[in-house]
Amino acid sequence: MFKHKLLEQDGRKWYTTTANNIAFSLYVKLNCNVTKVENITITIAQIIVNIIERTYKIKLGIKSPNDIVLNNKKIGGILTQTKISGKTVKDMVVGIGMNTNQEIFPEEIKNIATSIKNEFNIEVNSTDFITQFCNEFEKIVNTL
C-alpha cells in the first residue's frame, strides 16, 4: 500500500509519508523579547500560503493558530516551540509539515486531510518550496 509515519507531540498525532510530503524543522538561536514572537506561527502560516499562491496559483486558508487548510481539509501544520528565560526568547524550533504530493491517506484521516496533488493534480517541488520558505523566514528572523 503506502508507507507513512505516525508522529506525535503533546498528545497530537499526525501522519506523513516517507517520500511525498514536506516535513522539516528549523532551529533558530534568538535573543529577543517574548513579545516579538507572539504571532510567529501565524506569520509562518502566511509565508506558506503566499509561497503556494505565488508559485502554483492556489489559494490556501489559515485555521488559527497553526493549520493550513484547503477545501475545509487540513493540508499542513506548523509547530513552534520556544525556550524562554525571563522575558527573553533564547531558542525557537519551527516544525512544518505539508501534504503536497501524497495521493492516498490513512483511513482515519482521509476525510479531514488532503494534498495539493489530490486537489489540483500539481506536483510540488519540495526543494523549491523549502528554499523559498527559508529565504522568507530568514527575513522575519532578522527583524526579531
N, C-alpha and C. Protein backbone atom coordinates (compact mmCIF):
# COMPACT_ATOMS: atom_id res chain seq x y z
N MET A 1 0.83 -1.18 0.00
CA MET A 1 0.00 0.00 0.00
C MET A 1 0.88 1.25 0.00
N PHE A 2 1.05 1.93 1.13
CA PHE A 2 1.92 3.08 1.21
C PHE A 2 2.56 3.12 2.57
N LYS A 3 3.72 3.74 2.63
CA LYS A 3 4.43 3.84 3.90
C LYS A 3 4.17 5.21 4.48
N HIS A 4 3.77 5.24 5.74
CA HIS A 4 3.58 6.52 6.41
C HIS A 4 4.10 6.39 7.83
N LYS A 5 4.43 7.52 8.39
CA LYS A 5 4.89 7.57 9.77
C LYS A 5 3.82 8.27 10.59
N LEU A 6 3.56 7.72 11.76
CA LEU A 6 2.70 8.39 12.72
C LEU A 6 3.62 9.14 13.67
N LEU A 7 3.45 10.43 13.72
CA LEU A 7 4.23 11.28 14.62
C LEU A 7 3.32 11.81 15.70
N GLU A 8 3.87 12.04 16.87
CA GLU A 8 3.05 12.52 17.98
C GLU A 8 3.86 13.48 18.83
N GLN A 9 3.21 14.57 19.24
CA GLN A 9 3.81 15.52 20.16
C GLN A 9 2.70 16.14 20.99
N ASP A 10 2.92 16.17 22.28
CA ASP A 10 1.95 16.76 23.22
C ASP A 10 0.54 16.20 23.01
N GLY A 11 0.46 14.91 22.73
CA GLY A 11 -0.84 14.26 22.57
C GLY A 11 -1.49 14.49 21.21
N ARG A 12 -0.84 15.24 20.33
CA ARG A 12 -1.38 15.48 18.99
C ARG A 12 -0.68 14.55 18.01
N LYS A 13 -1.45 13.95 17.11
CA LYS A 13 -0.91 12.99 16.15
C LYS A 13 -1.01 13.54 14.74
N TRP A 14 -0.04 13.17 13.92
CA TRP A 14 -0.14 13.47 12.51
C TRP A 14 0.63 12.42 11.73
N TYR A 15 0.27 12.28 10.46
CA TYR A 15 0.87 11.30 9.58
C TYR A 15 1.65 12.01 8.49
N THR A 16 2.71 11.39 8.05
CA THR A 16 3.41 11.87 6.86
C THR A 16 3.94 10.66 6.11
N THR A 17 3.96 10.74 4.80
CA THR A 17 4.55 9.67 4.02
C THR A 17 6.05 9.90 3.97
N THR A 18 6.76 8.86 3.63
CA THR A 18 8.22 8.95 3.63
C THR A 18 8.76 9.67 2.40
N ALA A 19 7.97 9.83 1.35
CA ALA A 19 8.51 10.43 0.13
C ALA A 19 7.66 11.54 -0.49
N ASN A 20 6.40 11.65 -0.14
CA ASN A 20 5.51 12.52 -0.91
C ASN A 20 5.09 13.82 -0.23
N ASN A 21 5.57 14.10 0.94
CA ASN A 21 5.19 15.31 1.65
C ASN A 21 6.43 16.09 2.05
N ILE A 22 6.20 17.28 2.53
CA ILE A 22 7.28 18.11 3.07
C ILE A 22 7.16 18.08 4.58
N ALA A 23 8.23 17.73 5.25
CA ALA A 23 8.26 17.76 6.71
C ALA A 23 9.68 18.14 7.12
N PHE A 24 9.81 19.28 7.78
CA PHE A 24 11.14 19.73 8.20
C PHE A 24 11.03 20.61 9.43
N SER A 25 12.14 20.75 10.12
CA SER A 25 12.22 21.60 11.30
C SER A 25 13.41 22.53 11.16
N LEU A 26 13.27 23.71 11.74
CA LEU A 26 14.34 24.69 11.78
C LEU A 26 14.62 25.07 13.22
N TYR A 27 15.89 25.16 13.56
CA TYR A 27 16.30 25.64 14.88
C TYR A 27 16.84 27.05 14.69
N VAL A 28 16.34 27.97 15.52
CA VAL A 28 16.76 29.36 15.43
C VAL A 28 17.24 29.83 16.80
N LYS A 29 18.46 30.33 16.85
CA LYS A 29 19.01 30.92 18.07
C LYS A 29 18.59 32.38 18.08
N LEU A 30 17.93 32.79 19.16
CA LEU A 30 17.42 34.15 19.26
C LEU A 30 17.89 34.79 20.57
N ASN A 31 17.65 36.06 20.66
CA ASN A 31 17.86 36.81 21.89
C ASN A 31 16.95 38.03 21.81
N CYS A 32 15.64 37.78 21.89
CA CYS A 32 14.68 38.87 21.72
C CYS A 32 13.59 38.79 22.77
N ASN A 33 12.89 39.89 22.93
CA ASN A 33 11.78 39.94 23.87
C ASN A 33 10.67 39.02 23.40
N VAL A 34 10.04 38.35 24.34
CA VAL A 34 8.99 37.38 24.02
C VAL A 34 7.85 38.01 23.21
N THR A 35 7.60 39.28 23.35
CA THR A 35 6.52 39.93 22.60
C THR A 35 6.78 39.93 21.09
N LYS A 36 8.06 39.83 20.70
CA LYS A 36 8.39 39.85 19.27
C LYS A 36 8.01 38.56 18.55
N VAL A 37 7.78 37.47 19.29
CA VAL A 37 7.43 36.20 18.65
C VAL A 37 6.00 35.76 18.95
N GLU A 38 5.20 36.66 19.52
CA GLU A 38 3.82 36.30 19.90
C GLU A 38 2.99 35.78 18.74
N ASN A 39 3.16 36.31 17.55
CA ASN A 39 2.35 35.91 16.39
C ASN A 39 3.17 35.17 15.35
N ILE A 40 4.26 34.55 15.76
CA ILE A 40 5.18 33.94 14.80
C ILE A 40 4.53 32.77 14.04
N THR A 41 3.67 32.01 14.69
CA THR A 41 3.04 30.87 13.99
C THR A 41 2.14 31.35 12.86
N ILE A 42 1.37 32.39 13.10
CA ILE A 42 0.52 32.95 12.05
C ILE A 42 1.37 33.56 10.95
N THR A 43 2.47 34.20 11.31
CA THR A 43 3.38 34.77 10.32
C THR A 43 3.95 33.67 9.43
N ILE A 44 4.34 32.56 10.03
CA ILE A 44 4.86 31.43 9.28
C ILE A 44 3.78 30.87 8.35
N ALA A 45 2.57 30.74 8.85
CA ALA A 45 1.45 30.26 8.03
C ALA A 45 1.24 31.16 6.82
N GLN A 46 1.34 32.47 7.03
CA GLN A 46 1.15 33.41 5.93
C GLN A 46 2.26 33.27 4.88
N ILE A 47 3.49 33.03 5.33
CA ILE A 47 4.59 32.79 4.39
C ILE A 47 4.26 31.58 3.51
N ILE A 48 3.80 30.49 4.14
CA ILE A 48 3.48 29.26 3.40
C ILE A 48 2.36 29.51 2.39
N VAL A 49 1.30 30.16 2.83
CA VAL A 49 0.16 30.46 1.95
C VAL A 49 0.63 31.31 0.77
N ASN A 50 1.48 32.30 1.04
CA ASN A 50 1.97 33.18 -0.03
C ASN A 50 2.83 32.43 -1.05
N ILE A 51 3.68 31.53 -0.56
CA ILE A 51 4.54 30.75 -1.48
C ILE A 51 3.69 29.89 -2.40
N ILE A 52 2.71 29.19 -1.85
CA ILE A 52 1.85 28.31 -2.67
C ILE A 52 1.04 29.12 -3.67
N GLU A 53 0.53 30.27 -3.23
CA GLU A 53 -0.25 31.10 -4.15
C GLU A 53 0.63 31.67 -5.27
N ARG A 54 1.78 32.18 -4.90
CA ARG A 54 2.68 32.78 -5.89
C ARG A 54 3.21 31.73 -6.88
N THR A 55 3.58 30.56 -6.38
CA THR A 55 4.21 29.54 -7.21
C THR A 55 3.21 28.72 -8.01
N TYR A 56 2.07 28.37 -7.39
CA TYR A 56 1.14 27.44 -8.01
C TYR A 56 -0.25 28.03 -8.28
N LYS A 57 -0.42 29.30 -7.92
CA LYS A 57 -1.72 29.98 -8.13
C LYS A 57 -2.84 29.29 -7.39
N ILE A 58 -2.54 28.77 -6.20
CA ILE A 58 -3.52 28.09 -5.36
C ILE A 58 -3.70 28.89 -4.08
N LYS A 59 -4.95 29.17 -3.74
CA LYS A 59 -5.25 29.91 -2.51
C LYS A 59 -5.56 28.93 -1.39
N LEU A 60 -4.72 28.98 -0.36
CA LEU A 60 -4.92 28.17 0.83
C LEU A 60 -5.45 29.05 1.94
N GLY A 61 -6.02 28.44 2.95
CA GLY A 61 -6.51 29.18 4.10
C GLY A 61 -5.69 28.87 5.33
N ILE A 62 -5.87 29.70 6.34
CA ILE A 62 -5.21 29.51 7.62
C ILE A 62 -6.29 29.31 8.68
N LYS A 63 -6.20 28.20 9.38
CA LYS A 63 -7.08 27.95 10.52
C LYS A 63 -6.22 28.18 11.76
N SER A 64 -6.48 29.31 12.40
CA SER A 64 -5.65 29.73 13.53
C SER A 64 -5.69 28.69 14.64
N PRO A 65 -4.58 28.42 15.27
CA PRO A 65 -3.32 29.16 15.14
C PRO A 65 -2.30 28.52 14.23
N ASN A 66 -2.48 27.23 13.84
CA ASN A 66 -1.34 26.59 13.18
C ASN A 66 -1.66 25.63 12.04
N ASP A 67 -2.85 25.70 11.47
CA ASP A 67 -3.20 24.78 10.39
C ASP A 67 -3.32 25.51 9.06
N ILE A 68 -2.87 24.84 8.01
CA ILE A 68 -3.06 25.31 6.64
C ILE A 68 -4.16 24.42 6.06
N VAL A 69 -5.19 25.04 5.49
CA VAL A 69 -6.35 24.28 5.02
C VAL A 69 -6.68 24.58 3.56
N LEU A 70 -7.35 23.61 2.97
CA LEU A 70 -7.81 23.70 1.59
C LEU A 70 -9.12 22.94 1.50
N ASN A 71 -10.17 23.59 1.03
CA ASN A 71 -11.48 22.94 0.90
C ASN A 71 -11.92 22.28 2.20
N ASN A 72 -11.75 22.98 3.30
CA ASN A 72 -12.13 22.52 4.64
C ASN A 72 -11.39 21.28 5.11
N LYS A 73 -10.25 20.98 4.50
CA LYS A 73 -9.42 19.85 4.92
C LYS A 73 -8.02 20.37 5.23
N LYS A 74 -7.39 19.71 6.18
CA LYS A 74 -6.04 20.10 6.56
C LYS A 74 -5.05 19.68 5.48
N ILE A 75 -4.20 20.64 5.12
CA ILE A 75 -3.17 20.36 4.13
C ILE A 75 -1.78 20.55 4.73
N GLY A 76 -1.71 21.19 5.90
CA GLY A 76 -0.41 21.39 6.54
C GLY A 76 -0.57 21.91 7.95
N GLY A 77 0.55 21.92 8.64
CA GLY A 77 0.55 22.41 10.00
C GLY A 77 1.92 22.92 10.42
N ILE A 78 1.90 23.73 11.46
CA ILE A 78 3.11 24.37 11.98
C ILE A 78 3.14 24.17 13.48
N LEU A 79 4.30 23.78 13.97
CA LEU A 79 4.52 23.72 15.41
C LEU A 79 5.69 24.63 15.74
N THR A 80 5.52 25.48 16.72
CA THR A 80 6.63 26.32 17.17
C THR A 80 6.81 26.11 18.67
N GLN A 81 8.07 25.97 19.04
CA GLN A 81 8.42 25.86 20.46
C GLN A 81 9.54 26.83 20.74
N THR A 82 9.45 27.48 21.89
CA THR A 82 10.48 28.44 22.27
C THR A 82 11.05 28.10 23.63
N LYS A 83 12.29 28.48 23.82
CA LYS A 83 12.94 28.39 25.12
C LYS A 83 13.07 29.83 25.61
N ILE A 84 12.45 30.08 26.76
CA ILE A 84 12.38 31.45 27.27
C ILE A 84 13.09 31.53 28.62
N SER A 85 13.84 32.61 28.80
CA SER A 85 14.48 32.91 30.07
C SER A 85 14.01 34.30 30.48
N GLY A 86 13.20 34.36 31.52
CA GLY A 86 12.60 35.64 31.90
C GLY A 86 11.64 36.09 30.83
N LYS A 87 11.94 37.22 30.20
CA LYS A 87 11.12 37.73 29.09
C LYS A 87 11.87 37.67 27.77
N THR A 88 12.93 36.86 27.73
CA THR A 88 13.77 36.78 26.54
C THR A 88 13.67 35.39 25.91
N VAL A 89 13.37 35.37 24.62
CA VAL A 89 13.36 34.12 23.86
C VAL A 89 14.79 33.82 23.46
N LYS A 90 15.27 32.64 23.87
CA LYS A 90 16.64 32.23 23.58
C LYS A 90 16.73 31.34 22.35
N ASP A 91 15.79 30.44 22.21
CA ASP A 91 15.79 29.48 21.11
C ASP A 91 14.36 29.26 20.62
N MET A 92 14.27 28.89 19.35
CA MET A 92 12.97 28.55 18.79
C MET A 92 13.15 27.40 17.80
N VAL A 93 12.25 26.44 17.86
CA VAL A 93 12.20 25.36 16.87
C VAL A 93 10.88 25.49 16.14
N VAL A 94 10.97 25.49 14.82
CA VAL A 94 9.79 25.58 13.97
C VAL A 94 9.70 24.28 13.19
N GLY A 95 8.57 23.59 13.32
CA GLY A 95 8.32 22.37 12.55
C GLY A 95 7.20 22.62 11.56
N ILE A 96 7.42 22.20 10.33
CA ILE A 96 6.43 22.42 9.27
C ILE A 96 6.17 21.10 8.56
N GLY A 97 4.90 20.80 8.36
CA GLY A 97 4.50 19.64 7.58
C GLY A 97 3.47 20.06 6.55
N MET A 98 3.67 19.67 5.31
CA MET A 98 2.74 19.99 4.24
C MET A 98 2.42 18.75 3.44
N ASN A 99 1.13 18.50 3.23
CA ASN A 99 0.68 17.42 2.35
C ASN A 99 0.74 17.96 0.93
N THR A 100 1.79 17.60 0.25
CA THR A 100 1.97 18.15 -1.09
C THR A 100 1.63 17.14 -2.18
N ASN A 101 2.37 16.05 -2.26
CA ASN A 101 2.22 15.11 -3.36
C ASN A 101 1.62 13.76 -2.96
N GLN A 102 1.13 13.67 -1.74
CA GLN A 102 0.53 12.43 -1.26
C GLN A 102 -0.84 12.22 -1.92
N GLU A 103 -1.09 10.99 -2.37
CA GLU A 103 -2.36 10.71 -3.04
C GLU A 103 -3.28 9.81 -2.24
N ILE A 104 -2.74 9.02 -1.33
CA ILE A 104 -3.54 8.12 -0.51
C ILE A 104 -3.30 8.46 0.95
N PHE A 105 -4.38 8.56 1.72
CA PHE A 105 -4.29 8.89 3.14
C PHE A 105 -4.83 7.74 3.97
N PRO A 106 -4.29 7.56 5.18
CA PRO A 106 -4.82 6.53 6.07
C PRO A 106 -6.32 6.73 6.30
N GLU A 107 -7.01 5.65 6.50
CA GLU A 107 -8.47 5.66 6.66
C GLU A 107 -8.92 6.67 7.72
N GLU A 108 -8.19 6.73 8.84
CA GLU A 108 -8.63 7.59 9.96
C GLU A 108 -8.51 9.08 9.68
N ILE A 109 -7.83 9.49 8.61
CA ILE A 109 -7.73 10.93 8.32
C ILE A 109 -8.17 11.31 6.91
N LYS A 110 -8.58 10.36 6.11
CA LYS A 110 -8.86 10.68 4.71
C LYS A 110 -10.01 11.67 4.52
N ASN A 111 -10.89 11.80 5.50
CA ASN A 111 -11.98 12.76 5.38
C ASN A 111 -11.64 14.14 5.92
N ILE A 112 -10.48 14.28 6.55
CA ILE A 112 -10.12 15.58 7.13
C ILE A 112 -8.79 16.12 6.59
N ALA A 113 -8.11 15.34 5.74
CA ALA A 113 -6.82 15.77 5.19
C ALA A 113 -6.84 15.62 3.67
N THR A 114 -6.04 16.46 3.01
CA THR A 114 -5.90 16.39 1.56
C THR A 114 -4.50 16.86 1.20
N SER A 115 -4.22 16.87 -0.10
CA SER A 115 -2.93 17.35 -0.59
C SER A 115 -3.14 18.20 -1.84
N ILE A 116 -2.12 18.94 -2.17
CA ILE A 116 -2.19 19.75 -3.39
C ILE A 116 -2.31 18.84 -4.61
N LYS A 117 -1.60 17.73 -4.60
CA LYS A 117 -1.67 16.77 -5.72
C LYS A 117 -3.10 16.24 -5.88
N ASN A 118 -3.75 15.88 -4.77
CA ASN A 118 -5.12 15.36 -4.85
C ASN A 118 -6.11 16.39 -5.35
N GLU A 119 -5.95 17.61 -4.93
CA GLU A 119 -6.92 18.65 -5.28
C GLU A 119 -6.70 19.26 -6.65
N PHE A 120 -5.44 19.38 -7.08
CA PHE A 120 -5.13 20.12 -8.32
C PHE A 120 -4.30 19.35 -9.32
N ASN A 121 -3.89 18.11 -8.98
CA ASN A 121 -3.03 17.31 -9.84
C ASN A 121 -1.75 18.06 -10.21
N ILE A 122 -1.20 18.77 -9.23
CA ILE A 122 0.05 19.52 -9.40
C ILE A 122 1.10 18.91 -8.49
N GLU A 123 2.29 18.66 -9.03
CA GLU A 123 3.42 18.18 -8.23
C GLU A 123 4.13 19.39 -7.63
N VAL A 124 4.29 19.40 -6.33
CA VAL A 124 5.00 20.48 -5.65
C VAL A 124 6.47 20.08 -5.56
N ASN A 125 7.35 21.01 -5.94
CA ASN A 125 8.78 20.80 -5.85
C ASN A 125 9.21 21.11 -4.41
N SER A 126 9.54 20.07 -3.65
CA SER A 126 9.88 20.23 -2.24
C SER A 126 11.09 21.13 -2.02
N THR A 127 12.13 20.94 -2.81
CA THR A 127 13.35 21.74 -2.67
C THR A 127 13.06 23.21 -2.89
N ASP A 128 12.29 23.50 -3.94
CA ASP A 128 11.95 24.89 -4.24
C ASP A 128 11.11 25.50 -3.11
N PHE A 129 10.13 24.74 -2.61
CA PHE A 129 9.29 25.25 -1.53
C PHE A 129 10.13 25.55 -0.29
N ILE A 130 10.97 24.61 0.12
CA ILE A 130 11.77 24.80 1.33
C ILE A 130 12.74 25.96 1.16
N THR A 131 13.34 26.08 -0.02
CA THR A 131 14.26 27.20 -0.28
C THR A 131 13.53 28.53 -0.16
N GLN A 132 12.37 28.63 -0.80
CA GLN A 132 11.60 29.88 -0.72
C GLN A 132 11.22 30.18 0.74
N PHE A 133 10.76 29.14 1.45
CA PHE A 133 10.37 29.35 2.83
C PHE A 133 11.54 29.86 3.66
N CYS A 134 12.68 29.19 3.56
CA CYS A 134 13.84 29.60 4.37
C CYS A 134 14.28 31.02 4.06
N ASN A 135 14.26 31.41 2.79
CA ASN A 135 14.63 32.77 2.41
C ASN A 135 13.68 33.80 3.03
N GLU A 136 12.39 33.52 2.99
CA GLU A 136 11.42 34.46 3.54
C GLU A 136 11.42 34.46 5.07
N PHE A 137 11.58 33.29 5.66
CA PHE A 137 11.61 33.19 7.12
C PHE A 137 12.84 33.89 7.68
N GLU A 138 13.95 33.78 6.98
CA GLU A 138 15.18 34.45 7.43
C GLU A 138 14.98 35.96 7.54
N LYS A 139 14.24 36.54 6.61
CA LYS A 139 13.96 37.99 6.66
C LYS A 139 13.18 38.33 7.93
N ILE A 140 12.23 37.47 8.31
CA ILE A 140 11.44 37.70 9.53
C ILE A 140 12.34 37.58 10.76
N VAL A 141 13.15 36.52 10.80
CA VAL A 141 14.02 36.29 11.95
C VAL A 141 14.98 37.46 12.14
N ASN A 142 15.46 38.03 11.05
CA ASN A 142 16.40 39.15 11.14
C ASN A 142 15.78 40.41 11.73
N THR A 143 14.45 40.46 11.80
CA THR A 143 13.78 41.63 12.39
C THR A 143 13.47 41.41 13.88
N LEU A 144 13.70 40.21 14.39
CA LEU A 144 13.37 39.92 15.79
C LEU A 144 14.44 40.42 16.74
